[in-house]
Amino acid sequence: MKICTRLLTVAAALLAVNVALAQAPPGATGQCKDGTYTTAPGKKGACRGHKGVQTWLAAESAPAAAPAAASKPAAAPMAPMNAPAKSSKPSTSSMQQAAGGGPGMVWVNTSTKVYHCPGTKYYGKTKEGKYMSEVDAKASGARADHGTACSK
């Protein structure tokens, strides 16, 4: 009886994944609980801000592959989604860096008045901002991100 119940549960889960796959946009790796799709390479953080992962469509990369999986041909890489997931605020990690910058320039988030050094996570990636020298940024009243100045 327990085996039949488990088989039915597994079958229902597989059916849900197949339905989600059929409706998913090209390149989607998962569906979030709010109905949006993600192209994240892994489950961890894939649907942050979207109530979590509802259905994972892509195979997770595991260190030790199962023998049955090894006999299957490798899937073609998925193309990125055409439409971005709907979110109230943009994800800075997926945003393109703004054109400009260069040696001696910092990125000043004009809405928060915080400046970011080259090579840091938010350099050129906040929604509102501009490049300027660190001296000019300090003169305009901006402060260093986490109190760490770019030049010592």
N, C-alpha and C. Protein backbone atom coordinates (compact mmCIF):
# COMPACT_ATOMS: atom_id res chain seq x y z
N MET A 1 0.83 -1.19 0.00
CA MET A 1 0.00 0.00 0.00
C MET A 1 0.87 1.25 0.00
N LYS A 2 1.92 1.26 0.84
CA LYS A 2 2.80 2.42 0.91
C LYS A 2 3.53 2.64 -0.42
N ILE A 3 3.90 1.55 -1.08
CA ILE A 3 4.61 1.65 -2.36
C ILE A 3 3.69 2.26 -3.41
N CYS A 4 2.42 1.85 -3.43
CA CYS A 4 1.46 2.39 -4.40
C CYS A 4 1.26 3.89 -4.17
N THR A 5 1.16 4.29 -2.90
CA THR A 5 0.99 5.70 -2.58
C THR A 5 2.20 6.50 -3.03
N ARG A 6 3.40 5.98 -2.80
CA ARG A 6 4.62 6.66 -3.23
C ARG A 6 4.69 6.77 -4.74
N LEU A 7 4.32 5.68 -5.43
CA LEU A 7 4.33 5.71 -6.90
C LEU A 7 3.36 6.75 -7.43
N LEU A 8 2.20 6.84 -6.83
CA LEU A 8 1.23 7.85 -7.25
C LEU A 8 1.76 9.26 -7.00
N THR A 9 2.41 9.46 -5.87
CA THR A 9 2.99 10.76 -5.56
C THR A 9 4.08 11.13 -6.56
N VAL A 10 4.95 10.17 -6.88
CA VAL A 10 6.02 10.40 -7.85
C VAL A 10 5.42 10.67 -9.23
N ALA A 11 4.41 9.92 -9.61
CA ALA A 11 3.76 10.11 -10.91
C ALA A 11 3.13 11.49 -11.00
N ALA A 12 2.47 11.93 -9.92
CA ALA A 12 1.86 13.26 -9.91
C ALA A 12 2.92 14.35 -10.02
N ALA A 13 4.05 14.17 -9.35
CA ALA A 13 5.13 15.15 -9.42
C ALA A 13 5.71 15.21 -10.82
N LEU A 14 5.89 14.05 -11.45
CA LEU A 14 6.41 14.02 -12.82
C LEU A 14 5.43 14.67 -13.79
N LEU A 15 4.15 14.46 -13.60
CA LEU A 15 3.14 15.08 -14.44
C LEU A 15 3.20 16.60 -14.29
N ALA A 16 3.34 17.08 -13.05
CA ALA A 16 3.43 18.52 -12.81
C ALA A 16 4.65 19.12 -13.50
N VAL A 17 5.79 18.41 -13.46
CA VAL A 17 7.00 18.88 -14.12
C VAL A 17 6.80 18.91 -15.64
N ASN A 18 6.17 17.86 -16.20
CA ASN A 18 5.91 17.83 -17.64
C ASN A 18 4.99 18.95 -18.08
N VAL A 19 3.96 19.25 -17.30
CA VAL A 19 3.05 20.35 -17.63
C VAL A 19 3.80 21.67 -17.56
N ALA A 20 4.61 21.86 -16.50
CA ALA A 20 5.39 23.10 -16.37
C ALA A 20 6.38 23.24 -17.51
N LEU A 21 7.01 22.14 -17.91
CA LEU A 21 7.95 22.17 -19.04
C LEU A 21 7.25 22.59 -20.32
N ALA A 22 6.06 22.10 -20.55
CA ALA A 22 5.32 22.41 -21.77
C ALA A 22 4.95 23.89 -21.82
N GLN A 23 4.71 24.50 -20.68
CA GLN A 23 4.29 25.90 -20.63
C GLN A 23 5.46 26.85 -20.43
N ALA A 24 6.62 26.36 -20.08
CA ALA A 24 7.77 27.20 -19.75
C ALA A 24 8.33 27.89 -20.98
N PRO A 25 8.79 29.14 -20.82
CA PRO A 25 9.45 29.82 -21.93
C PRO A 25 10.80 29.17 -22.21
N PRO A 26 11.34 29.32 -23.42
CA PRO A 26 12.63 28.73 -23.75
C PRO A 26 13.71 29.21 -22.78
N GLY A 27 14.52 28.28 -22.30
CA GLY A 27 15.62 28.63 -21.41
C GLY A 27 15.28 28.59 -19.93
N ALA A 28 14.03 28.41 -19.59
CA ALA A 28 13.63 28.39 -18.18
C ALA A 28 14.18 27.14 -17.51
N THR A 29 14.70 27.30 -16.29
CA THR A 29 15.20 26.17 -15.53
C THR A 29 14.29 25.81 -14.37
N GLY A 30 13.34 26.70 -14.04
CA GLY A 30 12.42 26.42 -12.96
C GLY A 30 11.26 27.38 -12.96
N GLN A 31 10.23 27.01 -12.19
CA GLN A 31 9.07 27.87 -12.03
C GLN A 31 8.95 28.23 -10.56
N CYS A 32 8.75 29.51 -10.30
CA CYS A 32 8.61 30.00 -8.93
C CYS A 32 7.16 29.84 -8.47
N LYS A 33 6.95 29.91 -7.16
CA LYS A 33 5.62 29.72 -6.60
C LYS A 33 4.65 30.83 -6.99
N ASP A 34 5.17 31.99 -7.41
CA ASP A 34 4.27 33.06 -7.85
C ASP A 34 3.94 32.97 -9.34
N GLY A 35 4.42 31.90 -10.02
CA GLY A 35 4.09 31.67 -11.41
C GLY A 35 5.13 32.15 -12.41
N THR A 36 6.14 32.91 -11.95
CA THR A 36 7.18 33.37 -12.85
C THR A 36 8.19 32.26 -13.09
N TYR A 37 9.02 32.41 -14.11
CA TYR A 37 10.03 31.42 -14.45
C TYR A 37 11.42 31.99 -14.19
N THR A 38 12.39 31.12 -13.93
CA THR A 38 13.76 31.52 -13.67
C THR A 38 14.70 30.80 -14.64
N THR A 39 15.85 31.44 -14.90
CA THR A 39 16.89 30.82 -15.72
C THR A 39 18.13 30.55 -14.87
N ALA A 40 17.98 30.59 -13.56
CA ALA A 40 19.11 30.37 -12.65
C ALA A 40 19.69 28.97 -12.87
N PRO A 41 21.03 28.83 -12.75
CA PRO A 41 21.64 27.53 -12.97
C PRO A 41 21.37 26.51 -11.86
N GLY A 42 21.01 26.97 -10.67
CA GLY A 42 20.75 26.06 -9.55
C GLY A 42 19.54 26.53 -8.76
N LYS A 43 19.02 25.65 -7.92
CA LYS A 43 17.82 25.97 -7.13
C LYS A 43 18.09 27.03 -6.07
N LYS A 44 19.29 27.02 -5.50
CA LYS A 44 19.59 27.92 -4.39
C LYS A 44 19.47 29.37 -4.83
N GLY A 45 18.52 30.08 -4.27
CA GLY A 45 18.31 31.49 -4.57
C GLY A 45 17.64 31.76 -5.90
N ALA A 46 17.22 30.71 -6.60
CA ALA A 46 16.65 30.88 -7.94
C ALA A 46 15.36 31.70 -7.92
N CYS A 47 14.54 31.52 -6.93
CA CYS A 47 13.26 32.25 -6.87
C CYS A 47 13.20 33.15 -5.65
N ARG A 48 14.34 33.72 -5.28
CA ARG A 48 14.37 34.65 -4.15
C ARG A 48 13.48 35.84 -4.50
N GLY A 49 12.58 36.18 -3.62
CA GLY A 49 11.65 37.27 -3.87
C GLY A 49 10.41 36.84 -4.65
N HIS A 50 10.33 35.57 -4.97
CA HIS A 50 9.18 35.05 -5.71
C HIS A 50 8.53 33.89 -4.96
N LYS A 51 8.68 33.86 -3.65
CA LYS A 51 8.06 32.87 -2.76
C LYS A 51 8.66 31.47 -2.85
N GLY A 52 9.82 31.31 -3.49
CA GLY A 52 10.49 30.02 -3.54
C GLY A 52 10.22 29.26 -4.83
N VAL A 53 10.91 28.12 -4.96
CA VAL A 53 10.79 27.28 -6.16
C VAL A 53 9.59 26.36 -6.03
N GLN A 54 8.73 26.37 -7.05
CA GLN A 54 7.59 25.45 -7.08
C GLN A 54 7.98 24.18 -7.82
N THR A 55 8.54 24.32 -9.03
CA THR A 55 8.92 23.18 -9.85
C THR A 55 10.28 23.44 -10.46
N TRP A 56 11.20 22.51 -10.31
CA TRP A 56 12.52 22.64 -10.93
C TRP A 56 12.51 21.87 -12.23
N LEU A 57 12.81 22.55 -13.33
CA LEU A 57 12.70 21.96 -14.65
C LEU A 57 14.02 21.39 -15.15
N ALA A 58 15.13 21.96 -14.70
CA ALA A 58 16.45 21.52 -15.16
C ALA A 58 17.02 20.50 -14.20
N ALA A 59 17.89 19.66 -14.72
CA ALA A 59 18.57 18.68 -13.87
C ALA A 59 19.66 19.39 -13.09
N GLU A 60 19.70 19.17 -11.78
CA GLU A 60 20.76 19.74 -10.95
C GLU A 60 22.07 19.04 -11.28
N SER A 61 23.14 19.78 -11.32
CA SER A 61 24.44 19.14 -11.55
C SER A 61 24.90 18.56 -10.22
N ALA A 62 25.13 17.26 -10.21
CA ALA A 62 25.54 16.56 -8.99
C ALA A 62 26.95 16.02 -9.16
N PRO A 63 27.75 15.96 -8.08
CA PRO A 63 29.11 15.47 -8.19
C PRO A 63 29.17 14.01 -8.66
N ALA A 64 28.25 13.17 -8.16
CA ALA A 64 28.25 11.76 -8.56
C ALA A 64 26.96 11.50 -9.32
N ALA A 65 27.06 11.31 -10.63
CA ALA A 65 25.88 11.08 -11.45
C ALA A 65 25.41 9.65 -11.29
N ALA A 66 24.12 9.44 -11.38
CA ALA A 66 23.55 8.10 -11.28
C ALA A 66 23.88 7.34 -12.55
N PRO A 67 24.07 6.00 -12.47
CA PRO A 67 24.40 5.22 -13.65
C PRO A 67 23.37 5.36 -14.76
N ALA A 68 22.08 5.43 -14.42
CA ALA A 68 21.04 5.56 -15.45
C ALA A 68 21.17 6.89 -16.17
N ALA A 69 21.54 7.94 -15.44
CA ALA A 69 21.68 9.26 -16.04
C ALA A 69 22.90 9.32 -16.95
N ALA A 70 23.91 8.53 -16.65
CA ALA A 70 25.13 8.55 -17.45
C ALA A 70 24.89 7.97 -18.84
N SER A 71 23.91 7.06 -18.97
CA SER A 71 23.65 6.45 -20.27
C SER A 71 22.81 7.34 -21.17
N LYS A 72 22.17 8.36 -20.62
CA LYS A 72 21.35 9.26 -21.42
C LYS A 72 22.23 10.29 -22.11
N PRO A 73 21.86 10.73 -23.33
CA PRO A 73 22.65 11.77 -23.99
C PRO A 73 22.51 13.09 -23.25
N ALA A 74 23.54 13.91 -23.32
CA ALA A 74 23.53 15.21 -22.64
C ALA A 74 22.53 16.13 -23.32
N ALA A 75 21.81 16.89 -22.53
CA ALA A 75 20.83 17.83 -23.07
C ALA A 75 21.55 19.04 -23.63
N ALA A 76 20.97 19.64 -24.64
CA ALA A 76 21.54 20.85 -25.24
C ALA A 76 21.41 21.99 -24.24
N PRO A 77 22.38 22.91 -24.20
CA PRO A 77 22.27 24.03 -23.26
C PRO A 77 21.05 24.88 -23.57
N MET A 78 20.40 25.34 -22.52
CA MET A 78 19.18 26.12 -22.69
C MET A 78 19.52 27.57 -23.02
N ALA A 79 18.76 28.16 -23.90
CA ALA A 79 18.95 29.57 -24.26
C ALA A 79 18.36 30.44 -23.16
N PRO A 80 18.89 31.65 -22.96
CA PRO A 80 18.34 32.52 -21.92
C PRO A 80 16.90 32.93 -22.26
N MET A 81 16.13 33.21 -21.22
CA MET A 81 14.74 33.63 -21.41
C MET A 81 14.69 34.98 -22.11
N ASN A 82 13.68 35.18 -22.93
CA ASN A 82 13.51 36.46 -23.62
C ASN A 82 12.99 37.53 -22.68
N ALA A 83 12.02 37.22 -21.85
CA ALA A 83 11.43 38.22 -20.96
C ALA A 83 11.96 37.99 -19.55
N PRO A 84 12.42 39.05 -18.87
CA PRO A 84 12.89 38.88 -17.50
C PRO A 84 11.74 38.59 -16.55
N ALA A 85 12.06 37.93 -15.44
CA ALA A 85 11.05 37.64 -14.43
C ALA A 85 10.55 38.95 -13.85
N LYS A 86 9.24 39.00 -13.56
CA LYS A 86 8.67 40.22 -13.00
C LYS A 86 9.07 40.34 -11.54
N SER A 87 9.63 41.48 -11.20
CA SER A 87 10.07 41.71 -9.83
C SER A 87 9.88 43.17 -9.50
N SER A 88 9.64 43.48 -8.23
CA SER A 88 9.43 44.86 -7.85
C SER A 88 10.72 45.66 -7.90
N LYS A 89 11.86 45.01 -7.73
CA LYS A 89 13.13 45.72 -7.86
C LYS A 89 14.11 44.85 -8.65
N PRO A 90 14.97 45.48 -9.44
CA PRO A 90 15.88 44.70 -10.29
C PRO A 90 16.95 44.01 -9.47
N SER A 91 17.39 42.86 -9.95
CA SER A 91 18.47 42.13 -9.31
C SER A 91 19.79 42.70 -9.82
N THR A 92 20.63 43.18 -8.92
CA THR A 92 21.87 43.81 -9.35
C THR A 92 22.86 42.80 -9.89
N SER A 93 22.74 41.52 -9.48
CA SER A 93 23.70 40.54 -9.97
C SER A 93 23.49 40.22 -11.44
N SER A 94 22.25 40.35 -11.94
CA SER A 94 21.99 40.04 -13.33
C SER A 94 22.00 41.27 -14.22
N MET A 95 22.10 42.45 -13.64
CA MET A 95 22.11 43.68 -14.43
C MET A 95 23.45 43.86 -15.13
N GLN A 96 23.41 44.44 -16.32
CA GLN A 96 24.62 44.76 -17.06
C GLN A 96 25.29 45.96 -16.39
N GLN A 97 26.62 45.97 -16.43
CA GLN A 97 27.36 47.11 -15.89
C GLN A 97 27.18 48.29 -16.83
N ALA A 98 26.96 49.48 -16.27
CA ALA A 98 26.79 50.68 -17.08
C ALA A 98 28.09 50.99 -17.82
N ALA A 99 27.95 51.51 -19.03
CA ALA A 99 29.12 51.87 -19.82
C ALA A 99 29.85 53.03 -19.16
N GLY A 100 31.14 53.06 -19.30
CA GLY A 100 31.94 54.13 -18.71
C GLY A 100 32.86 53.58 -17.64
N GLY A 101 33.17 54.40 -16.69
CA GLY A 101 34.06 53.98 -15.62
C GLY A 101 35.50 53.97 -16.08
N GLY A 102 36.33 53.29 -15.36
CA GLY A 102 37.73 53.19 -15.71
C GLY A 102 38.61 53.43 -14.50
N PRO A 103 39.91 53.55 -14.74
CA PRO A 103 40.86 53.75 -13.64
C PRO A 103 40.54 55.02 -12.84
N GLY A 104 40.51 54.87 -11.54
CA GLY A 104 40.28 56.01 -10.66
C GLY A 104 38.83 56.43 -10.54
N MET A 105 37.91 55.72 -11.18
CA MET A 105 36.50 56.09 -11.15
C MET A 105 35.74 55.16 -10.21
N VAL A 106 34.77 55.71 -9.51
CA VAL A 106 33.88 54.93 -8.66
C VAL A 106 32.46 55.08 -9.21
N TRP A 107 31.58 54.17 -8.83
CA TRP A 107 30.18 54.25 -9.22
C TRP A 107 29.41 54.79 -8.03
N VAL A 108 28.72 55.92 -8.22
CA VAL A 108 27.95 56.52 -7.14
C VAL A 108 26.48 56.22 -7.36
N ASN A 109 25.87 55.54 -6.40
CA ASN A 109 24.43 55.30 -6.43
C ASN A 109 23.80 56.63 -6.01
N THR A 110 23.20 57.33 -6.97
CA THR A 110 22.70 58.68 -6.70
C THR A 110 21.47 58.69 -5.79
N SER A 111 20.76 57.58 -5.68
CA SER A 111 19.59 57.57 -4.80
C SER A 111 19.98 57.34 -3.34
N THR A 112 21.04 56.56 -3.09
CA THR A 112 21.44 56.28 -1.71
C THR A 112 22.68 57.06 -1.28
N LYS A 113 23.36 57.69 -2.25
CA LYS A 113 24.61 58.42 -2.00
C LYS A 113 25.69 57.52 -1.40
N VAL A 114 25.79 56.31 -1.96
CA VAL A 114 26.83 55.36 -1.59
C VAL A 114 27.66 55.10 -2.84
N TYR A 115 29.01 55.13 -2.70
CA TYR A 115 29.81 54.83 -3.89
C TYR A 115 30.48 53.47 -3.77
N HIS A 116 30.68 52.85 -4.95
CA HIS A 116 31.19 51.48 -5.04
C HIS A 116 32.49 51.47 -5.84
N CYS A 117 33.45 50.68 -5.40
CA CYS A 117 34.76 50.59 -6.03
C CYS A 117 34.74 49.64 -7.22
N PRO A 118 35.66 49.83 -8.18
CA PRO A 118 35.75 48.91 -9.32
C PRO A 118 35.97 47.47 -8.83
N GLY A 119 35.30 46.53 -9.48
CA GLY A 119 35.44 45.12 -9.13
C GLY A 119 34.50 44.64 -8.04
N THR A 120 33.70 45.55 -7.46
CA THR A 120 32.75 45.13 -6.43
C THR A 120 31.41 44.80 -7.06
N LYS A 121 30.55 44.16 -6.30
CA LYS A 121 29.27 43.64 -6.79
C LYS A 121 28.39 44.71 -7.45
N TYR A 122 28.33 45.89 -6.89
CA TYR A 122 27.40 46.91 -7.36
C TYR A 122 28.05 47.97 -8.26
N TYR A 123 29.32 47.81 -8.61
CA TYR A 123 30.01 48.79 -9.45
C TYR A 123 29.33 48.88 -10.81
N GLY A 124 28.71 50.01 -11.09
CA GLY A 124 28.04 50.24 -12.36
C GLY A 124 26.72 49.51 -12.52
N LYS A 125 26.16 48.96 -11.43
CA LYS A 125 24.98 48.11 -11.57
C LYS A 125 23.75 48.56 -10.79
N THR A 126 23.80 49.66 -10.07
CA THR A 126 22.60 50.08 -9.36
C THR A 126 21.65 50.78 -10.34
N LYS A 127 20.40 50.85 -9.98
CA LYS A 127 19.38 51.40 -10.88
C LYS A 127 19.68 52.85 -11.25
N GLU A 128 20.06 53.65 -10.27
CA GLU A 128 20.37 55.05 -10.51
C GLU A 128 21.81 55.30 -10.07
N GLY A 129 22.59 55.92 -10.93
CA GLY A 129 23.96 56.21 -10.55
C GLY A 129 24.77 56.80 -11.68
N LYS A 130 26.02 57.15 -11.34
CA LYS A 130 26.93 57.69 -12.35
C LYS A 130 28.36 57.47 -11.89
N TYR A 131 29.29 57.51 -12.85
CA TYR A 131 30.70 57.37 -12.55
C TYR A 131 31.28 58.74 -12.23
N MET A 132 32.21 58.76 -11.28
CA MET A 132 32.98 59.98 -10.98
C MET A 132 34.20 59.57 -10.17
N SER A 133 35.11 60.51 -9.98
CA SER A 133 36.30 60.20 -9.18
C SER A 133 35.89 60.06 -7.72
N GLU A 134 36.70 59.34 -6.96
CA GLU A 134 36.38 59.13 -5.55
C GLU A 134 36.37 60.46 -4.79
N VAL A 135 37.27 61.36 -5.15
CA VAL A 135 37.33 62.67 -4.50
C VAL A 135 36.04 63.44 -4.76
N ASP A 136 35.56 63.43 -6.02
CA ASP A 136 34.31 64.11 -6.35
C ASP A 136 33.12 63.47 -5.65
N ALA A 137 33.15 62.15 -5.53
CA ALA A 137 32.06 61.44 -4.85
C ALA A 137 31.98 61.87 -3.39
N LYS A 138 33.13 61.92 -2.72
CA LYS A 138 33.16 62.35 -1.32
C LYS A 138 32.71 63.80 -1.20
N ALA A 139 33.15 64.64 -2.15
CA ALA A 139 32.78 66.07 -2.12
C ALA A 139 31.28 66.26 -2.32
N SER A 140 30.64 65.36 -3.06
CA SER A 140 29.20 65.48 -3.29
C SER A 140 28.38 64.91 -2.13
N GLY A 141 29.07 64.37 -1.12
CA GLY A 141 28.38 63.86 0.06
C GLY A 141 28.17 62.37 0.07
N ALA A 142 28.70 61.66 -0.92
CA ALA A 142 28.54 60.20 -0.96
C ALA A 142 29.51 59.55 0.02
N ARG A 143 29.13 58.40 0.53
CA ARG A 143 29.99 57.66 1.44
C ARG A 143 30.38 56.33 0.81
N ALA A 144 31.48 55.76 1.27
CA ALA A 144 31.96 54.49 0.73
C ALA A 144 31.07 53.34 1.17
N ASP A 145 30.88 52.37 0.28
CA ASP A 145 30.09 51.18 0.59
C ASP A 145 30.76 50.43 1.74
N HIS A 146 30.02 50.16 2.79
CA HIS A 146 30.50 49.47 3.99
C HIS A 146 31.67 50.20 4.62
N GLY A 147 31.80 51.49 4.37
CA GLY A 147 32.86 52.30 4.99
C GLY A 147 34.25 52.02 4.47
N THR A 148 34.38 51.29 3.36
CA THR A 148 35.69 50.94 2.82
C THR A 148 35.97 51.78 1.59
N ALA A 149 36.90 52.73 1.71
CA ALA A 149 37.26 53.59 0.59
C ALA A 149 38.05 52.79 -0.43
N CYS A 150 38.00 53.23 -1.69
CA CYS A 150 38.71 52.53 -2.76
C CYS A 150 40.20 52.80 -2.70
N SER A 151 40.57 54.06 -2.46
CA SER A 151 42.00 54.41 -2.35
C SER A 151 42.36 54.50 -0.88
N LYS A 152 43.53 54.04 -0.56
CA LYS A 152 43.97 54.03 0.85
C LYS A 152 44.76 55.27 1.17
